[in-house]
Amino acid sequence: NLVGPATLDHIWDRHIVDSLQLLELAP
């Protein structure tokens, strides 16, 4: 039970892509 169960169907948008956008803010 590592993340909220409701977010499992949206792992890419809610977690992965959401995280990736930070990389561009500190190149």
mmCIF file of all heavy atoms, coordinates in Angstrom:
data_MODEL
# 
_entry.id   MODEL 
# 
loop_
_atom_site.group_PDB 
_atom_site.id 
_atom_site.type_symbol 
_atom_site.label_atom_id 
_atom_site.label_alt_id 
_atom_site.label_comp_id 
_atom_site.label_asym_id 
_atom_site.label_entity_id 
_atom_site.label_seq_id 
_atom_site.pdbx_PDB_ins_code 
_atom_site.Cartn_x 
_atom_site.Cartn_y 
_atom_site.Cartn_z 
_atom_site.occupancy 
_atom_site.B_iso_or_equiv 
_atom_site.pdbx_formal_charge 
_atom_site.auth_seq_id 
_atom_site.auth_comp_id 
_atom_site.auth_asym_id 
_atom_site.auth_atom_id 
_atom_site.pdbx_PDB_model_num 
ATOM 1   N N   . ASN A 1 1  ? 0.826  -1.209 0.000   1.00 0.00 ? 1  ASN A N   1 
ATOM 2   C CA  . ASN A 1 1  ? 0.000  0.000  0.000   1.00 0.00 ? 1  ASN A CA  1 
ATOM 3   C C   . ASN A 1 1  ? 0.863  1.264  0.000   1.00 0.00 ? 1  ASN A C   1 
ATOM 4   O O   . ASN A 1 1  ? 0.839  2.068  0.929   1.00 0.00 ? 1  ASN A O   1 
ATOM 5   C CB  . ASN A 1 1  ? -0.946 0.013  1.203   1.00 0.00 ? 1  ASN A CB  1 
ATOM 6   C CG  . ASN A 1 1  ? -2.004 1.094  1.086   1.00 0.00 ? 1  ASN A CG  1 
ATOM 7   O OD1 . ASN A 1 1  ? -2.437 1.442  -0.010  1.00 0.00 ? 1  ASN A OD1 1 
ATOM 8   N ND2 . ASN A 1 1  ? -2.409 1.646  2.214   1.00 0.00 ? 1  ASN A ND2 1 
ATOM 9   N N   . LEU A 1 2  ? 1.627  1.442  -1.078  1.00 0.00 ? 2  LEU A N   1 
ATOM 10  C CA  . LEU A 1 2  ? 2.594  2.530  -1.155  1.00 0.00 ? 2  LEU A CA  1 
ATOM 11  C C   . LEU A 1 2  ? 1.996  3.871  -1.573  1.00 0.00 ? 2  LEU A C   1 
ATOM 12  O O   . LEU A 1 2  ? 2.506  4.927  -1.206  1.00 0.00 ? 2  LEU A O   1 
ATOM 13  C CB  . LEU A 1 2  ? 3.711  2.156  -2.145  1.00 0.00 ? 2  LEU A CB  1 
ATOM 14  C CG  . LEU A 1 2  ? 4.521  0.896  -1.778  1.00 0.00 ? 2  LEU A CG  1 
ATOM 15  C CD1 . LEU A 1 2  ? 5.479  0.561  -2.894  1.00 0.00 ? 2  LEU A CD1 1 
ATOM 16  C CD2 . LEU A 1 2  ? 5.257  1.100  -0.461  1.00 0.00 ? 2  LEU A CD2 1 
ATOM 17  N N   . VAL A 1 3  ? 0.929  3.838  -2.382  1.00 0.00 ? 3  VAL A N   1 
ATOM 18  C CA  . VAL A 1 3  ? 0.280  5.078  -2.834  1.00 0.00 ? 3  VAL A CA  1 
ATOM 19  C C   . VAL A 1 3  ? -1.223 4.947  -2.621  1.00 0.00 ? 3  VAL A C   1 
ATOM 20  O O   . VAL A 1 3  ? -1.730 3.857  -2.362  1.00 0.00 ? 3  VAL A O   1 
ATOM 21  C CB  . VAL A 1 3  ? 0.577  5.357  -4.329  1.00 0.00 ? 3  VAL A CB  1 
ATOM 22  C CG1 . VAL A 1 3  ? 2.060  5.562  -4.561  1.00 0.00 ? 3  VAL A CG1 1 
ATOM 23  C CG2 . VAL A 1 3  ? 0.045  4.226  -5.218  1.00 0.00 ? 3  VAL A CG2 1 
ATOM 24  N N   . GLY A 1 4  ? -1.928 6.055  -2.739  1.00 0.00 ? 4  GLY A N   1 
ATOM 25  C CA  . GLY A 1 4  ? -3.376 6.012  -2.607  1.00 0.00 ? 4  GLY A CA  1 
ATOM 26  C C   . GLY A 1 4  ? -3.979 5.108  -3.670  1.00 0.00 ? 4  GLY A C   1 
ATOM 27  O O   . GLY A 1 4  ? -3.708 5.300  -4.860  1.00 0.00 ? 4  GLY A O   1 
ATOM 28  N N   . PRO A 1 5  ? -4.777 4.118  -3.291  1.00 0.00 ? 5  PRO A N   1 
ATOM 29  C CA  . PRO A 1 5  ? -5.345 3.174  -4.266  1.00 0.00 ? 5  PRO A CA  1 
ATOM 30  C C   . PRO A 1 5  ? -6.083 3.847  -5.414  1.00 0.00 ? 5  PRO A C   1 
ATOM 31  O O   . PRO A 1 5  ? -6.061 3.364  -6.550  1.00 0.00 ? 5  PRO A O   1 
ATOM 32  C CB  . PRO A 1 5  ? -6.301 2.336  -3.403  1.00 0.00 ? 5  PRO A CB  1 
ATOM 33  C CG  . PRO A 1 5  ? -5.743 2.421  -2.029  1.00 0.00 ? 5  PRO A CG  1 
ATOM 34  C CD  . PRO A 1 5  ? -5.163 3.804  -1.904  1.00 0.00 ? 5  PRO A CD  1 
ATOM 35  N N   . ALA A 1 6  ? -6.715 4.974  -5.143  1.00 0.00 ? 6  ALA A N   1 
ATOM 36  C CA  . ALA A 1 6  ? -7.480 5.660  -6.184  1.00 0.00 ? 6  ALA A CA  1 
ATOM 37  C C   . ALA A 1 6  ? -6.598 6.219  -7.296  1.00 0.00 ? 6  ALA A C   1 
ATOM 38  O O   . ALA A 1 6  ? -7.091 6.538  -8.381  1.00 0.00 ? 6  ALA A O   1 
ATOM 39  C CB  . ALA A 1 6  ? -8.303 6.786  -5.558  1.00 0.00 ? 6  ALA A CB  1 
ATOM 40  N N   . THR A 1 7  ? -5.284 6.338  -7.024  1.00 0.00 ? 7  THR A N   1 
ATOM 41  C CA  . THR A 1 7  ? -4.383 6.914  -8.028  1.00 0.00 ? 7  THR A CA  1 
ATOM 42  C C   . THR A 1 7  ? -3.759 5.859  -8.936  1.00 0.00 ? 7  THR A C   1 
ATOM 43  O O   . THR A 1 7  ? -3.070 6.194  -9.889  1.00 0.00 ? 7  THR A O   1 
ATOM 44  C CB  . THR A 1 7  ? -3.244 7.720  -7.369  1.00 0.00 ? 7  THR A CB  1 
ATOM 45  O OG1 . THR A 1 7  ? -2.343 6.817  -6.689  1.00 0.00 ? 7  THR A OG1 1 
ATOM 46  C CG2 . THR A 1 7  ? -3.790 8.721  -6.376  1.00 0.00 ? 7  THR A CG2 1 
ATOM 47  N N   . LEU A 1 8  ? -3.992 4.579  -8.660  1.00 0.00 ? 8  LEU A N   1 
ATOM 48  C CA  . LEU A 1 8  ? -3.337 3.516  -9.421  1.00 0.00 ? 8  LEU A CA  1 
ATOM 49  C C   . LEU A 1 8  ? -3.701 3.530  -10.899 1.00 0.00 ? 8  LEU A C   1 
ATOM 50  O O   . LEU A 1 8  ? -2.888 3.191  -11.758 1.00 0.00 ? 8  LEU A O   1 
ATOM 51  C CB  . LEU A 1 8  ? -3.678 2.143  -8.830  1.00 0.00 ? 8  LEU A CB  1 
ATOM 52  C CG  . LEU A 1 8  ? -2.764 1.609  -7.734  1.00 0.00 ? 8  LEU A CG  1 
ATOM 53  C CD1 . LEU A 1 8  ? -3.186 0.211  -7.346  1.00 0.00 ? 8  LEU A CD1 1 
ATOM 54  C CD2 . LEU A 1 8  ? -1.299 1.636  -8.148  1.00 0.00 ? 8  LEU A CD2 1 
ATOM 55  N N   . ASP A 1 9  ? -4.934 3.908  -11.208 1.00 0.00 ? 9  ASP A N   1 
ATOM 56  C CA  . ASP A 1 9  ? -5.353 3.944  -12.607 1.00 0.00 ? 9  ASP A CA  1 
ATOM 57  C C   . ASP A 1 9  ? -4.821 5.168  -13.338 1.00 0.00 ? 9  ASP A C   1 
ATOM 58  O O   . ASP A 1 9  ? -5.044 5.313  -14.543 1.00 0.00 ? 9  ASP A O   1 
ATOM 59  C CB  . ASP A 1 9  ? -6.887 3.925  -12.700 1.00 0.00 ? 9  ASP A CB  1 
ATOM 60  C CG  . ASP A 1 9  ? -7.466 2.578  -12.295 1.00 0.00 ? 9  ASP A CG  1 
ATOM 61  O OD1 . ASP A 1 9  ? -6.736 1.567  -12.394 1.00 0.00 ? 9  ASP A OD1 1 
ATOM 62  O OD2 . ASP A 1 9  ? -8.634 2.544  -11.868 1.00 0.00 ? 9  ASP A OD2 1 
ATOM 63  N N   . HIS A 1 10 ? -4.155 6.044  -12.608 1.00 0.00 ? 10 HIS A N   1 
ATOM 64  C CA  . HIS A 1 10 ? -3.620 7.268  -13.225 1.00 0.00 ? 10 HIS A CA  1 
ATOM 65  C C   . HIS A 1 10 ? -2.160 7.468  -12.824 1.00 0.00 ? 10 HIS A C   1 
ATOM 66  O O   . HIS A 1 10 ? -1.732 8.597  -12.586 1.00 0.00 ? 10 HIS A O   1 
ATOM 67  C CB  . HIS A 1 10 ? -4.450 8.474  -12.781 1.00 0.00 ? 10 HIS A CB  1 
ATOM 68  C CG  . HIS A 1 10 ? -5.926 8.295  -12.994 1.00 0.00 ? 10 HIS A CG  1 
ATOM 69  N ND1 . HIS A 1 10 ? -6.520 8.448  -14.234 1.00 0.00 ? 10 HIS A ND1 1 
ATOM 70  C CD2 . HIS A 1 10 ? -6.922 7.954  -12.129 1.00 0.00 ? 10 HIS A CD2 1 
ATOM 71  C CE1 . HIS A 1 10 ? -7.822 8.213  -14.114 1.00 0.00 ? 10 HIS A CE1 1 
ATOM 72  N NE2 . HIS A 1 10 ? -8.084 7.916  -12.861 1.00 0.00 ? 10 HIS A NE2 1 
ATOM 73  N N   . ILE A 1 11 ? -1.404 6.375  -12.761 1.00 0.00 ? 11 ILE A N   1 
ATOM 74  C CA  . ILE A 1 11 ? -0.022 6.453  -12.297 1.00 0.00 ? 11 ILE A CA  1 
ATOM 75  C C   . ILE A 1 11 ? 0.799  7.423  -13.129 1.00 0.00 ? 11 ILE A C   1 
ATOM 76  O O   . ILE A 1 11 ? 1.579  8.223  -12.593 1.00 0.00 ? 11 ILE A O   1 
ATOM 77  C CB  . ILE A 1 11 ? 0.632  5.058  -12.311 1.00 0.00 ? 11 ILE A CB  1 
ATOM 78  C CG1 . ILE A 1 11 ? 0.068  4.201  -11.178 1.00 0.00 ? 11 ILE A CG1 1 
ATOM 79  C CG2 . ILE A 1 11 ? 2.157  5.166  -12.172 1.00 0.00 ? 11 ILE A CG2 1 
ATOM 80  C CD1 . ILE A 1 11 ? 0.571  2.771  -11.175 1.00 0.00 ? 11 ILE A CD1 1 
ATOM 81  N N   . TRP A 1 12 ? 0.611  7.398  -14.443 1.00 0.00 ? 12 TRP A N   1 
ATOM 82  C CA  . TRP A 1 12 ? 1.460  8.248  -15.293 1.00 0.00 ? 12 TRP A CA  1 
ATOM 83  C C   . TRP A 1 12 ? 1.171  9.721  -15.101 1.00 0.00 ? 12 TRP A C   1 
ATOM 84  O O   . TRP A 1 12 ? 2.085  10.515 -14.890 1.00 0.00 ? 12 TRP A O   1 
ATOM 85  C CB  . TRP A 1 12 ? 1.329  7.829  -16.758 1.00 0.00 ? 12 TRP A CB  1 
ATOM 86  C CG  . TRP A 1 12 ? 2.148  6.599  -16.991 1.00 0.00 ? 12 TRP A CG  1 
ATOM 87  C CD1 . TRP A 1 12 ? 1.765  5.298  -16.793 1.00 0.00 ? 12 TRP A CD1 1 
ATOM 88  C CD2 . TRP A 1 12 ? 3.518  6.558  -17.375 1.00 0.00 ? 12 TRP A CD2 1 
ATOM 89  N NE1 . TRP A 1 12 ? 2.821  4.455  -17.043 1.00 0.00 ? 12 TRP A NE1 1 
ATOM 90  C CE2 . TRP A 1 12 ? 3.904  5.194  -17.402 1.00 0.00 ? 12 TRP A CE2 1 
ATOM 91  C CE3 . TRP A 1 12 ? 4.463  7.527  -17.702 1.00 0.00 ? 12 TRP A CE3 1 
ATOM 92  C CZ2 . TRP A 1 12 ? 5.200  4.784  -17.743 1.00 0.00 ? 12 TRP A CZ2 1 
ATOM 93  C CZ3 . TRP A 1 12 ? 5.752  7.119  -18.046 1.00 0.00 ? 12 TRP A CZ3 1 
ATOM 94  C CH2 . TRP A 1 12 ? 6.109  5.765  -18.053 1.00 0.00 ? 12 TRP A CH2 1 
ATOM 95  N N   . ASP A 1 13 ? -0.098 10.110 -15.150 1.00 0.00 ? 13 ASP A N   1 
ATOM 96  C CA  . ASP A 1 13 ? -0.421 11.535 -14.994 1.00 0.00 ? 13 ASP A CA  1 
ATOM 97  C C   . ASP A 1 13 ? -0.234 12.003 -13.558 1.00 0.00 ? 13 ASP A C   1 
ATOM 98  O O   . ASP A 1 13 ? 0.384  13.035 -13.305 1.00 0.00 ? 13 ASP A O   1 
ATOM 99  C CB  . ASP A 1 13 ? -1.859 11.807 -15.439 1.00 0.00 ? 13 ASP A CB  1 
ATOM 100 C CG  . ASP A 1 13 ? -2.004 11.762 -16.944 1.00 0.00 ? 13 ASP A CG  1 
ATOM 101 O OD1 . ASP A 1 13 ? -0.988 11.948 -17.639 1.00 0.00 ? 13 ASP A OD1 1 
ATOM 102 O OD2 . ASP A 1 13 ? -3.120 11.527 -17.422 1.00 0.00 ? 13 ASP A OD2 1 
ATOM 103 N N   . ARG A 1 14 ? -0.757 11.232 -12.601 1.00 0.00 ? 14 ARG A N   1 
ATOM 104 C CA  . ARG A 1 14 ? -0.768 11.662 -11.207 1.00 0.00 ? 14 ARG A CA  1 
ATOM 105 C C   . ARG A 1 14 ? 0.606  11.599 -10.554 1.00 0.00 ? 14 ARG A C   1 
ATOM 106 O O   . ARG A 1 14 ? 0.901  12.356 -9.637  1.00 0.00 ? 14 ARG A O   1 
ATOM 107 C CB  . ARG A 1 14 ? -1.757 10.799 -10.404 1.00 0.00 ? 14 ARG A CB  1 
ATOM 108 C CG  . ARG A 1 14 ? -3.203 11.076 -10.708 1.00 0.00 ? 14 ARG A CG  1 
ATOM 109 C CD  . ARG A 1 14 ? -3.664 12.395 -10.111 1.00 0.00 ? 14 ARG A CD  1 
ATOM 110 N NE  . ARG A 1 14 ? -3.570 12.417 -8.663  1.00 0.00 ? 14 ARG A NE  1 
ATOM 111 C CZ  . ARG A 1 14 ? -4.489 11.939 -7.844  1.00 0.00 ? 14 ARG A CZ  1 
ATOM 112 N NH1 . ARG A 1 14 ? -5.579 11.365 -8.332  1.00 0.00 ? 14 ARG A NH1 1 
ATOM 113 N NH2 . ARG A 1 14 ? -4.334 12.032 -6.538  1.00 0.00 ? 14 ARG A NH2 1 
ATOM 114 N N   . HIS A 1 15 ? 1.435  10.677 -11.011 1.00 0.00 ? 15 HIS A N   1 
ATOM 115 C CA  . HIS A 1 15 ? 2.707  10.467 -10.332 1.00 0.00 ? 15 HIS A CA  1 
ATOM 116 C C   . HIS A 1 15 ? 3.931  10.688 -11.220 1.00 0.00 ? 15 HIS A C   1 
ATOM 117 O O   . HIS A 1 15 ? 4.808  11.480 -10.879 1.00 0.00 ? 15 HIS A O   1 
ATOM 118 C CB  . HIS A 1 15 ? 2.743  9.058  -9.739  1.00 0.00 ? 15 HIS A CB  1 
ATOM 119 C CG  . HIS A 1 15 ? 1.733  8.814  -8.668  1.00 0.00 ? 15 HIS A CG  1 
ATOM 120 N ND1 . HIS A 1 15 ? 1.639  9.617  -7.544  1.00 0.00 ? 15 HIS A ND1 1 
ATOM 121 C CD2 . HIS A 1 15 ? 0.764  7.883  -8.538  1.00 0.00 ? 15 HIS A CD2 1 
ATOM 122 C CE1 . HIS A 1 15 ? 0.653  9.187  -6.765  1.00 0.00 ? 15 HIS A CE1 1 
ATOM 123 N NE2 . HIS A 1 15 ? 0.106  8.136  -7.347  1.00 0.00 ? 15 HIS A NE2 1 
ATOM 124 N N   . ILE A 1 16 ? 4.004  10.007 -12.348 1.00 0.00 ? 16 ILE A N   1 
ATOM 125 C CA  . ILE A 1 16 ? 5.230  10.041 -13.143 1.00 0.00 ? 16 ILE A CA  1 
ATOM 126 C C   . ILE A 1 16 ? 5.385  11.353 -13.908 1.00 0.00 ? 16 ILE A C   1 
ATOM 127 O O   . ILE A 1 16 ? 6.396  12.055 -13.764 1.00 0.00 ? 16 ILE A O   1 
ATOM 128 C CB  . ILE A 1 16 ? 5.298  8.826  -14.082 1.00 0.00 ? 16 ILE A CB  1 
ATOM 129 C CG1 . ILE A 1 16 ? 5.385  7.536  -13.243 1.00 0.00 ? 16 ILE A CG1 1 
ATOM 130 C CG2 . ILE A 1 16 ? 6.510  8.940  -15.020 1.00 0.00 ? 16 ILE A CG2 1 
ATOM 131 C CD1 . ILE A 1 16 ? 5.385  6.255  -14.042 1.00 0.00 ? 16 ILE A CD1 1 
ATOM 132 N N   . VAL A 1 17 ? 4.403  11.710 -14.732 1.00 0.00 ? 17 VAL A N   1 
ATOM 133 C CA  . VAL A 1 17 ? 4.498  12.964 -15.490 1.00 0.00 ? 17 VAL A CA  1 
ATOM 134 C C   . VAL A 1 17 ? 4.487  14.161 -14.548 1.00 0.00 ? 17 VAL A C   1 
ATOM 135 O O   . VAL A 1 17 ? 5.204  15.145 -14.754 1.00 0.00 ? 17 VAL A O   1 
ATOM 136 C CB  . VAL A 1 17 ? 3.352  13.075 -16.523 1.00 0.00 ? 17 VAL A CB  1 
ATOM 137 C CG1 . VAL A 1 17 ? 3.421  14.406 -17.255 1.00 0.00 ? 17 VAL A CG1 1 
ATOM 138 C CG2 . VAL A 1 17 ? 3.422  11.919 -17.515 1.00 0.00 ? 17 VAL A CG2 1 
ATOM 139 N N   . ASP A 1 18 ? 3.702  14.071 -13.489 1.00 0.00 ? 18 ASP A N   1 
ATOM 140 C CA  . ASP A 1 18 ? 3.652  15.138 -12.488 1.00 0.00 ? 18 ASP A CA  1 
ATOM 141 C C   . ASP A 1 18 ? 5.032  15.367 -11.873 1.00 0.00 ? 18 ASP A C   1 
ATOM 142 O O   . ASP A 1 18 ? 5.419  16.503 -11.602 1.00 0.00 ? 18 ASP A O   1 
ATOM 143 C CB  . ASP A 1 18 ? 2.643  14.772 -11.400 1.00 0.00 ? 18 ASP A CB  1 
ATOM 144 C CG  . ASP A 1 18 ? 2.358  15.939 -10.471 1.00 0.00 ? 18 ASP A CG  1 
ATOM 145 O OD1 . ASP A 1 18 ? 1.865  16.968 -10.952 1.00 0.00 ? 18 ASP A OD1 1 
ATOM 146 O OD2 . ASP A 1 18 ? 2.642  15.825 -9.270  1.00 0.00 ? 18 ASP A OD2 1 
ATOM 147 N N   . SER A 1 19 ? 5.776  14.285 -11.665 1.00 0.00 ? 19 SER A N   1 
ATOM 148 C CA  . SER A 1 19 ? 7.131  14.392 -11.115 1.00 0.00 ? 19 SER A CA  1 
ATOM 149 C C   . SER A 1 19 ? 8.114  14.916 -12.155 1.00 0.00 ? 19 SER A C   1 
ATOM 150 O O   . SER A 1 19 ? 8.972  15.754 -11.851 1.00 0.00 ? 19 SER A O   1 
ATOM 151 C CB  . SER A 1 19 ? 7.595  13.017 -10.616 1.00 0.00 ? 19 SER A CB  1 
ATOM 152 O OG  . SER A 1 19 ? 6.780  12.539 -9.574  1.00 0.00 ? 19 SER A OG  1 
ATOM 153 N N   . LEU A 1 20 ? 8.007  14.420 -13.378 1.00 0.00 ? 20 LEU A N   1 
ATOM 154 C CA  . LEU A 1 20 ? 8.956  14.789 -14.431 1.00 0.00 ? 20 LEU A CA  1 
ATOM 155 C C   . LEU A 1 20 ? 9.005  16.286 -14.693 1.00 0.00 ? 20 LEU A C   1 
ATOM 156 O O   . LEU A 1 20 ? 10.061 16.826 -15.030 1.00 0.00 ? 20 LEU A O   1 
ATOM 157 C CB  . LEU A 1 20 ? 8.593  14.070 -15.732 1.00 0.00 ? 20 LEU A CB  1 
ATOM 158 C CG  . LEU A 1 20 ? 9.087  12.640 -15.914 1.00 0.00 ? 20 LEU A CG  1 
ATOM 159 C CD1 . LEU A 1 20 ? 8.512  12.050 -17.196 1.00 0.00 ? 20 LEU A CD1 1 
ATOM 160 C CD2 . LEU A 1 20 ? 10.609 12.596 -15.955 1.00 0.00 ? 20 LEU A CD2 1 
ATOM 161 N N   . GLN A 1 21 ? 7.876  16.967 -14.544 1.00 0.00 ? 21 GLN A N   1 
ATOM 162 C CA  . GLN A 1 21 ? 7.849  18.385 -14.879 1.00 0.00 ? 21 GLN A CA  1 
ATOM 163 C C   . GLN A 1 21 ? 8.784  19.220 -14.003 1.00 0.00 ? 21 GLN A C   1 
ATOM 164 O O   . GLN A 1 21 ? 9.229  20.292 -14.399 1.00 0.00 ? 21 GLN A O   1 
ATOM 165 C CB  . GLN A 1 21 ? 6.428  18.938 -14.812 1.00 0.00 ? 21 GLN A CB  1 
ATOM 166 C CG  . GLN A 1 21 ? 5.791  18.892 -13.442 1.00 0.00 ? 21 GLN A CG  1 
ATOM 167 C CD  . GLN A 1 21 ? 4.364  19.399 -13.458 1.00 0.00 ? 21 GLN A CD  1 
ATOM 168 O OE1 . GLN A 1 21 ? 3.997  20.283 -14.241 1.00 0.00 ? 21 GLN A OE1 1 
ATOM 169 N NE2 . GLN A 1 21 ? 3.529  18.843 -12.584 1.00 0.00 ? 21 GLN A NE2 1 
ATOM 170 N N   . LEU A 1 22 ? 9.132  18.704 -12.830 1.00 0.00 ? 22 LEU A N   1 
ATOM 171 C CA  . LEU A 1 22 ? 10.033 19.450 -11.954 1.00 0.00 ? 22 LEU A CA  1 
ATOM 172 C C   . LEU A 1 22 ? 11.441 19.514 -12.536 1.00 0.00 ? 22 LEU A C   1 
ATOM 173 O O   . LEU A 1 22 ? 12.179 20.476 -12.284 1.00 0.00 ? 22 LEU A O   1 
ATOM 174 C CB  . LEU A 1 22 ? 10.087 18.812 -10.567 1.00 0.00 ? 22 LEU A CB  1 
ATOM 175 C CG  . LEU A 1 22 ? 8.790  18.770 -9.759  1.00 0.00 ? 22 LEU A CG  1 
ATOM 176 C CD1 . LEU A 1 22 ? 9.079  18.256 -8.353  1.00 0.00 ? 22 LEU A CD1 1 
ATOM 177 C CD2 . LEU A 1 22 ? 8.132  20.135 -9.699  1.00 0.00 ? 22 LEU A CD2 1 
ATOM 178 N N   . LEU A 1 23 ? 11.807 18.507 -13.303 1.00 0.00 ? 23 LEU A N   1 
ATOM 179 C CA  . LEU A 1 23 ? 13.153 18.441 -13.854 1.00 0.00 ? 23 LEU A CA  1 
ATOM 180 C C   . LEU A 1 23 ? 13.440 19.651 -14.749 1.00 0.00 ? 23 LEU A C   1 
ATOM 181 O O   . LEU A 1 23 ? 14.548 20.188 -14.764 1.00 0.00 ? 23 LEU A O   1 
ATOM 182 C CB  . LEU A 1 23 ? 13.318 17.148 -14.654 1.00 0.00 ? 23 LEU A CB  1 
ATOM 183 C CG  . LEU A 1 23 ? 14.736 16.635 -14.889 1.00 0.00 ? 23 LEU A CG  1 
ATOM 184 C CD1 . LEU A 1 23 ? 15.456 16.385 -13.578 1.00 0.00 ? 23 LEU A CD1 1 
ATOM 185 C CD2 . LEU A 1 23 ? 14.683 15.360 -15.727 1.00 0.00 ? 23 LEU A CD2 1 
ATOM 186 N N   . GLU A 1 24 ? 12.428 20.103 -15.470 1.00 0.00 ? 24 GLU A N   1 
ATOM 187 C CA  . GLU A 1 24 ? 12.590 21.224 -16.384 1.00 0.00 ? 24 GLU A CA  1 
ATOM 188 C C   . GLU A 1 24 ? 12.734 22.558 -15.657 1.00 0.00 ? 24 GLU A C   1 
ATOM 189 O O   . GLU A 1 24 ? 13.182 23.542 -16.249 1.00 0.00 ? 24 GLU A O   1 
ATOM 190 C CB  . GLU A 1 24 ? 11.389 21.287 -17.341 1.00 0.00 ? 24 GLU A CB  1 
ATOM 191 C CG  . GLU A 1 24 ? 11.180 20.018 -18.144 1.00 0.00 ? 24 GLU A CG  1 
ATOM 192 C CD  . GLU A 1 24 ? 9.875  20.038 -18.911 1.00 0.00 ? 24 GLU A CD  1 
ATOM 193 O OE1 . GLU A 1 24 ? 9.244  21.118 -18.978 1.00 0.00 ? 24 GLU A OE1 1 
ATOM 194 O OE2 . GLU A 1 24 ? 9.468  18.991 -19.426 1.00 0.00 ? 24 GLU A OE2 1 
ATOM 195 N N   . LEU A 1 25 ? 12.359 22.587 -14.394 1.00 0.00 ? 25 LEU A N   1 
ATOM 196 C CA  . LEU A 1 25 ? 12.391 23.839 -13.637 1.00 0.00 ? 25 LEU A CA  1 
ATOM 197 C C   . LEU A 1 25 ? 13.745 24.106 -13.001 1.00 0.00 ? 25 LEU A C   1 
ATOM 198 O O   . LEU A 1 25 ? 13.968 25.172 -12.442 1.00 0.00 ? 25 LEU A O   1 
ATOM 199 C CB  . LEU A 1 25 ? 11.300 23.820 -12.558 1.00 0.00 ? 25 LEU A CB  1 
ATOM 200 C CG  . LEU A 1 25 ? 9.868  23.623 -13.074 1.00 0.00 ? 25 LEU A CG  1 
ATOM 201 C CD1 . LEU A 1 25 ? 8.884  23.634 -11.915 1.00 0.00 ? 25 LEU A CD1 1 
ATOM 202 C CD2 . LEU A 1 25 ? 9.507  24.691 -14.106 1.00 0.00 ? 25 LEU A CD2 1 
ATOM 203 N N   . ALA A 1 26 ? 14.631 23.128 -13.067 1.00 0.00 ? 26 ALA A N   1 
ATOM 204 C CA  . ALA A 1 26 ? 15.988 23.293 -12.527 1.00 0.00 ? 26 ALA A CA  1 
ATOM 205 C C   . ALA A 1 26 ? 16.965 22.544 -13.433 1.00 0.00 ? 26 ALA A C   1 
ATOM 206 O O   . ALA A 1 26 ? 17.589 21.562 -13.026 1.00 0.00 ? 26 ALA A O   1 
ATOM 207 C CB  . ALA A 1 26 ? 16.062 22.773 -11.100 1.00 0.00 ? 26 ALA A CB  1 
ATOM 208 N N   . PRO A 1 27 ? 17.107 23.000 -14.674 1.00 0.00 ? 27 PRO A N   1 
ATOM 209 C CA  . PRO A 1 27 ? 17.902 22.250 -15.666 1.00 0.00 ? 27 PRO A CA  1 
ATOM 210 C C   . PRO A 1 27 ? 19.379 22.141 -15.342 1.00 0.00 ? 27 PRO A C   1 
ATOM 211 O O   . PRO A 1 27 ? 20.052 21.243 -15.846 1.00 0.00 ? 27 PRO A O   1 
ATOM 212 C CB  . PRO A 1 27 ? 17.674 23.036 -16.963 1.00 0.00 ? 27 PRO A CB  1 
ATOM 213 C CG  . PRO A 1 27 ? 17.288 24.416 -16.513 1.00 0.00 ? 27 PRO A CG  1 
ATOM 214 C CD  . PRO A 1 27 ? 16.510 24.222 -15.255 1.00 0.00 ? 27 PRO A CD  1 
# 
